Amino acid sequence: MIRTVLTALILAAAPAVASAECSRGHQQAMTCADGMVWDKDAKTCTATTS
């Protein structure tokens, strides 16, 4: 019984530990379609003005 409970707790906590590890210190490149640029304040692609 105790072994089952411990296994369930470990399996429940694994995704939280994995996501915390992945988000630390990484930068993801953002690419936009042609004619669009990344607006870092709005965190979205916006049309370029010419």
N, C-alpha and C. Protein backbone atom coordinates (compact mmCIF):
# COMPACT_ATOMS: atom_id res chain seq x y z
N MET A 1 0.82 -1.19 0.00
CA MET A 1 0.00 0.00 0.00
C MET A 1 0.87 1.26 0.00
N ILE A 2 1.87 1.30 0.86
CA ILE A 2 2.73 2.47 0.93
C ILE A 2 3.50 2.64 -0.38
N ARG A 3 3.95 1.55 -0.95
CA ARG A 3 4.68 1.60 -2.20
C ARG A 3 3.81 2.20 -3.32
N THR A 4 2.55 1.83 -3.34
CA THR A 4 1.62 2.34 -4.35
C THR A 4 1.41 3.84 -4.18
N VAL A 5 1.26 4.30 -2.95
CA VAL A 5 1.06 5.71 -2.67
C VAL A 5 2.30 6.51 -3.05
N LEU A 6 3.47 6.03 -2.70
CA LEU A 6 4.71 6.71 -3.06
C LEU A 6 4.90 6.78 -4.57
N THR A 7 4.60 5.71 -5.26
CA THR A 7 4.71 5.70 -6.72
C THR A 7 3.75 6.71 -7.34
N ALA A 8 2.53 6.78 -6.83
CA ALA A 8 1.54 7.74 -7.33
C ALA A 8 2.01 9.17 -7.09
N LEU A 9 2.58 9.46 -5.94
CA LEU A 9 3.09 10.80 -5.65
C LEU A 9 4.24 11.19 -6.56
N ILE A 10 5.13 10.26 -6.80
CA ILE A 10 6.27 10.53 -7.68
C ILE A 10 5.78 10.79 -9.11
N LEU A 11 4.85 9.98 -9.59
CA LEU A 11 4.33 10.16 -10.94
C LEU A 11 3.54 11.47 -11.06
N ALA A 12 2.87 11.86 -10.01
CA ALA A 12 2.10 13.11 -10.04
C ALA A 12 3.03 14.33 -10.04
N ALA A 13 4.17 14.24 -9.37
CA ALA A 13 5.09 15.37 -9.27
C ALA A 13 6.04 15.47 -10.45
N ALA A 14 6.21 14.42 -11.23
CA ALA A 14 7.18 14.41 -12.33
C ALA A 14 6.95 15.51 -13.36
N PRO A 15 5.73 15.76 -13.84
CA PRO A 15 5.54 16.84 -14.84
C PRO A 15 5.91 18.22 -14.30
N ALA A 16 5.62 18.49 -13.05
CA ALA A 16 5.95 19.79 -12.47
C ALA A 16 7.46 19.98 -12.40
N VAL A 17 8.17 18.97 -12.02
CA VAL A 17 9.63 19.05 -11.95
C VAL A 17 10.22 19.20 -13.35
N ALA A 18 9.69 18.48 -14.31
CA ALA A 18 10.20 18.56 -15.68
C ALA A 18 9.95 19.93 -16.29
N SER A 19 8.79 20.51 -16.08
CA SER A 19 8.51 21.82 -16.66
C SER A 19 9.34 22.91 -15.98
N ALA A 20 9.60 22.80 -14.72
CA ALA A 20 10.43 23.78 -14.02
C ALA A 20 11.87 23.71 -14.53
N GLU A 21 12.34 22.54 -14.83
CA GLU A 21 13.70 22.36 -15.32
C GLU A 21 13.85 22.92 -16.73
N CYS A 22 12.86 22.75 -17.57
CA CYS A 22 12.96 23.17 -18.97
C CYS A 22 12.87 24.68 -19.15
N SER A 23 12.15 25.37 -18.32
CA SER A 23 11.95 26.80 -18.54
C SER A 23 13.09 27.66 -18.02
N ARG A 24 13.99 27.09 -17.28
CA ARG A 24 15.06 27.87 -16.67
C ARG A 24 16.20 28.12 -17.65
N GLY A 25 16.49 29.41 -17.92
CA GLY A 25 17.66 29.78 -18.69
C GLY A 25 17.61 29.52 -20.17
N HIS A 26 16.46 29.30 -20.73
CA HIS A 26 16.36 29.03 -22.16
C HIS A 26 15.64 30.19 -22.84
N GLN A 27 16.05 30.46 -24.06
CA GLN A 27 15.35 31.43 -24.88
C GLN A 27 14.85 30.71 -26.12
N GLN A 28 13.63 31.01 -26.48
CA GLN A 28 13.06 30.38 -27.66
C GLN A 28 12.98 31.41 -28.77
N ALA A 29 13.41 31.02 -29.95
CA ALA A 29 13.37 31.92 -31.10
C ALA A 29 11.95 32.01 -31.63
N MET A 30 11.53 33.23 -31.94
CA MET A 30 10.20 33.45 -32.50
C MET A 30 10.35 33.86 -33.95
N THR A 31 9.65 33.21 -34.83
CA THR A 31 9.67 33.60 -36.23
C THR A 31 8.27 34.01 -36.64
N CYS A 32 8.20 35.02 -37.47
CA CYS A 32 6.93 35.54 -37.97
C CYS A 32 6.87 35.35 -39.48
N ALA A 33 5.68 35.41 -40.02
CA ALA A 33 5.49 35.28 -41.47
C ALA A 33 6.11 36.47 -42.18
N ASP A 34 6.28 36.34 -43.50
CA ASP A 34 6.82 37.44 -44.30
C ASP A 34 5.95 38.68 -44.14
N GLY A 35 6.58 39.82 -43.99
CA GLY A 35 5.85 41.07 -43.82
C GLY A 35 5.43 41.34 -42.38
N MET A 36 5.85 40.46 -41.47
CA MET A 36 5.50 40.60 -40.05
C MET A 36 6.78 40.68 -39.24
N VAL A 37 6.72 41.36 -38.11
CA VAL A 37 7.85 41.43 -37.18
C VAL A 37 7.35 41.11 -35.78
N TRP A 38 8.24 40.64 -34.93
CA TRP A 38 7.89 40.29 -33.55
C TRP A 38 7.86 41.55 -32.69
N ASP A 39 6.75 41.78 -32.04
CA ASP A 39 6.59 42.89 -31.09
C ASP A 39 6.78 42.31 -29.70
N LYS A 40 7.95 42.59 -29.10
CA LYS A 40 8.26 41.96 -27.81
C LYS A 40 7.38 42.47 -26.69
N ASP A 41 6.87 43.69 -26.79
CA ASP A 41 6.00 44.22 -25.74
C ASP A 41 4.62 43.54 -25.78
N ALA A 42 4.08 43.40 -26.99
CA ALA A 42 2.77 42.76 -27.16
C ALA A 42 2.87 41.24 -27.21
N LYS A 43 4.10 40.74 -27.39
CA LYS A 43 4.36 39.29 -27.51
C LYS A 43 3.53 38.65 -28.62
N THR A 44 3.55 39.31 -29.80
CA THR A 44 2.84 38.81 -30.95
C THR A 44 3.49 39.35 -32.23
N CYS A 45 3.18 38.73 -33.34
CA CYS A 45 3.66 39.22 -34.64
C CYS A 45 2.75 40.36 -35.09
N THR A 46 3.35 41.42 -35.58
CA THR A 46 2.58 42.56 -36.09
C THR A 46 3.06 42.88 -37.49
N ALA A 47 2.18 43.49 -38.27
CA ALA A 47 2.52 43.85 -39.65
C ALA A 47 3.52 44.98 -39.66
N THR A 48 4.48 44.88 -40.60
CA THR A 48 5.46 45.95 -40.73
C THR A 48 4.84 47.13 -41.47
N THR A 49 5.22 48.32 -41.08
CA THR A 49 4.73 49.52 -41.77
C THR A 49 5.85 50.07 -42.63
N SER A 50 5.52 50.41 -43.87
CA SER A 50 6.55 50.95 -44.76
C SER A 50 6.18 52.32 -45.27
